[in-house]
Amino acid sequence: MARRSVSAKRVAIIAGALALLAVVAYAGVCAYFVVHEQLAVFYPMARASTSPEAAGLKGVAEVTIATEDGERLYGWWTAPAAG
């Protein structure tokens, strides 16, 4: 019987250690995201710094799309390949 209680005690210690490790790992991930949250923020740019022609793209056009709420979307467009 003494072996069983020692074994149960070991299981409890190992389970507690794993739970503590999980809490520390979770806290580490949370701390990482708090410190690096600016990397996840999207900052829209006014226009691309280069044109499709300057980038060597043939058949690509610069387009501007006006939305219903008054915003203007800017991008590049090319026709899809045939077929």
C-alpha atoms as a PDB file:
ATOM      1  CA  MET A   1       0.000   0.000   0.000  1.00  0.00           C
ATOM      2  CA  ALA A   2       2.842   2.399   0.649  1.00  0.00           C
ATOM      3  CA  ARG A   3       3.878   2.172  -2.986  1.00  0.00           C
ATOM      4  CA  ARG A   4       0.474   3.326  -4.181  1.00  0.00           C
ATOM      5  CA  SER A   5       0.464   6.467  -2.071  1.00  0.00           C
ATOM      6  CA  VAL A   6       3.974   7.349  -3.249  1.00  0.00           C
ATOM      7  CA  SER A   7       2.925   6.801  -6.834  1.00  0.00           C
ATOM      8  CA  ALA A   8      -0.184   8.932  -6.373  1.00  0.00           C
ATOM      9  CA  LYS A   9       1.953  11.599  -4.732  1.00  0.00           C
ATOM     10  CA  ARG A  10       4.327  11.581  -7.722  1.00  0.00           C
ATOM     11  CA  VAL A  11       1.426  11.871 -10.132  1.00  0.00           C
ATOM     12  CA  ALA A  12       0.091  14.832  -8.191  1.00  0.00           C
ATOM     13  CA  ILE A  13       3.517  16.514  -8.190  1.00  0.00           C
ATOM     14  CA  ILE A  14       3.974  15.929 -11.922  1.00  0.00           C
ATOM     15  CA  ALA A  15       0.442  17.188 -12.665  1.00  0.00           C
ATOM     16  CA  GLY A  16       1.079  20.290 -10.576  1.00  0.00           C
ATOM     17  CA  ALA A  17       4.401  20.913 -12.313  1.00  0.00           C
ATOM     18  CA  LEU A  18       2.769  20.573 -15.730  1.00  0.00           C
ATOM     19  CA  ALA A  19      -0.036  22.927 -14.721  1.00  0.00           C
ATOM     20  CA  LEU A  20       2.522  25.457 -13.488  1.00  0.00           C
ATOM     21  CA  LEU A  21       4.480  25.098 -16.732  1.00  0.00           C
ATOM     22  CA  ALA A  22       1.299  25.710 -18.746  1.00  0.00           C
ATOM     23  CA  VAL A  23       0.500  28.842 -16.718  1.00  0.00           C
ATOM     24  CA  VAL A  24       4.038  30.187 -17.141  1.00  0.00           C
ATOM     25  CA  ALA A  25       3.990  29.449 -20.895  1.00  0.00           C
ATOM     26  CA  TYR A  26       0.608  31.175 -21.282  1.00  0.00           C
ATOM     27  CA  ALA A  27       1.845  34.195 -19.334  1.00  0.00           C
ATOM     28  CA  GLY A  28       4.911  34.318 -21.575  1.00  0.00           C
ATOM     29  CA  VAL A  29       2.804  34.292 -24.731  1.00  0.00           C
ATOM     30  CA  CYS A  30       0.567  37.030 -23.303  1.00  0.00           C
ATOM     31  CA  ALA A  31       3.606  39.124 -22.379  1.00  0.00           C
ATOM     32  CA  TYR A  32       5.027  38.684 -25.890  1.00  0.00           C
ATOM     33  CA  PHE A  33       1.803  39.970 -27.461  1.00  0.00           C
ATOM     34  CA  VAL A  34       1.620  42.932 -25.083  1.00  0.00           C
ATOM     35  CA  VAL A  35       5.203  43.945 -25.910  1.00  0.00           C
ATOM     36  CA  HIS A  36       4.849  43.400 -29.682  1.00  0.00           C
ATOM     37  CA  GLU A  37       1.234  44.476 -30.235  1.00  0.00           C
ATOM     38  CA  GLN A  38       2.280  47.292 -32.602  1.00  0.00           C
ATOM     39  CA  LEU A  39       3.402  44.633 -35.100  1.00  0.00           C
ATOM     40  CA  ALA A  40      -0.218  43.497 -35.424  1.00  0.00           C
ATOM     41  CA  VAL A  41      -1.645  46.960 -36.126  1.00  0.00           C
ATOM     42  CA  PHE A  42      -2.404  47.754 -39.770  1.00  0.00           C
ATOM     43  CA  TYR A  43      -1.369  51.202 -40.902  1.00  0.00           C
ATOM     44  CA  PRO A  44      -2.827  51.918 -44.359  1.00  0.00           C
ATOM     45  CA  MET A  45      -0.610  53.747 -46.797  1.00  0.00           C
ATOM     46  CA  ALA A  46      -1.886  56.553 -48.987  1.00  0.00           C
ATOM     47  CA  ARG A  47      -0.482  55.118 -52.218  1.00  0.00           C
ATOM     48  CA  ALA A  48       2.089  52.583 -53.286  1.00  0.00           C
ATOM     49  CA  SER A  49       5.596  53.970 -53.499  1.00  0.00           C
ATOM     50  CA  THR A  50       6.010  52.710 -57.052  1.00  0.00           C
ATOM     51  CA  SER A  51       3.886  52.234 -60.134  1.00  0.00           C
ATOM     52  CA  PRO A  52       3.291  48.918 -61.889  1.00  0.00           C
ATOM     53  CA  GLU A  53       5.340  50.118 -64.847  1.00  0.00           C
ATOM     54  CA  ALA A  54       8.262  51.081 -62.607  1.00  0.00           C
ATOM     55  CA  ALA A  55       8.045  47.620 -61.023  1.00  0.00           C
ATOM     56  CA  GLY A  56       8.316  46.040 -64.474  1.00  0.00           C
ATOM     57  CA  LEU A  57       4.745  44.726 -64.592  1.00  0.00           C
ATOM     58  CA  LYS A  58       3.192  44.819 -68.045  1.00  0.00           C
ATOM     59  CA  GLY A  59      -0.580  44.815 -68.396  1.00  0.00           C
ATOM     60  CA  VAL A  60      -1.111  45.989 -64.808  1.00  0.00           C
ATOM     61  CA  ALA A  61      -3.075  49.188 -64.221  1.00  0.00           C
ATOM     62  CA  GLU A  62      -3.413  51.436 -61.198  1.00  0.00           C
ATOM     63  CA  VAL A  63      -7.052  51.646 -60.097  1.00  0.00           C
ATOM     64  CA  THR A  64      -9.009  53.686 -57.578  1.00  0.00           C
ATOM     65  CA  ILE A  65     -12.406  52.513 -56.346  1.00  0.00           C
ATOM     66  CA  ALA A  66     -14.828  54.844 -54.553  1.00  0.00           C
ATOM     67  CA  THR A  67     -16.874  53.114 -51.857  1.00  0.00           C
ATOM     68  CA  GLU A  68     -20.400  53.935 -50.711  1.00  0.00           C
ATOM     69  CA  ASP A  69     -19.145  55.484 -47.479  1.00  0.00           C
ATOM     70  CA  GLY A  70     -16.886  57.954 -49.286  1.00  0.00           C
ATOM     71  CA  GLU A  71     -13.595  56.110 -48.875  1.00  0.00           C
ATOM     72  CA  ARG A  72     -11.293  55.536 -51.823  1.00  0.00           C
ATOM     73  CA  LEU A  73      -9.522  52.218 -52.293  1.00  0.00           C
ATOM     74  CA  TYR A  74      -6.318  52.157 -54.298  1.00  0.00           C
ATOM     75  CA  GLY A  75      -4.711  49.139 -55.908  1.00  0.00           C
ATOM     76  CA  TRP A  76      -3.317  47.443 -58.968  1.00  0.00           C
ATOM     77  CA  TRP A  77      -5.406  45.390 -61.386  1.00  0.00           C
ATOM     78  CA  THR A  78      -4.636  42.994 -64.191  1.00  0.00           C
ATOM     79  CA  ALA A  79      -6.981  41.001 -66.374  1.00  0.00           C
ATOM     80  CA  PRO A  80      -7.190  37.297 -65.573  1.00  0.00           C
ATOM     81  CA  ALA A  81      -5.376  34.871 -67.841  1.00  0.00           C
ATOM     82  CA  ALA A  82      -7.474  33.393 -70.631  1.00  0.00           C
ATOM     83  CA  GLY A  83      -8.982  29.993 -69.961  1.00  0.00           C
END
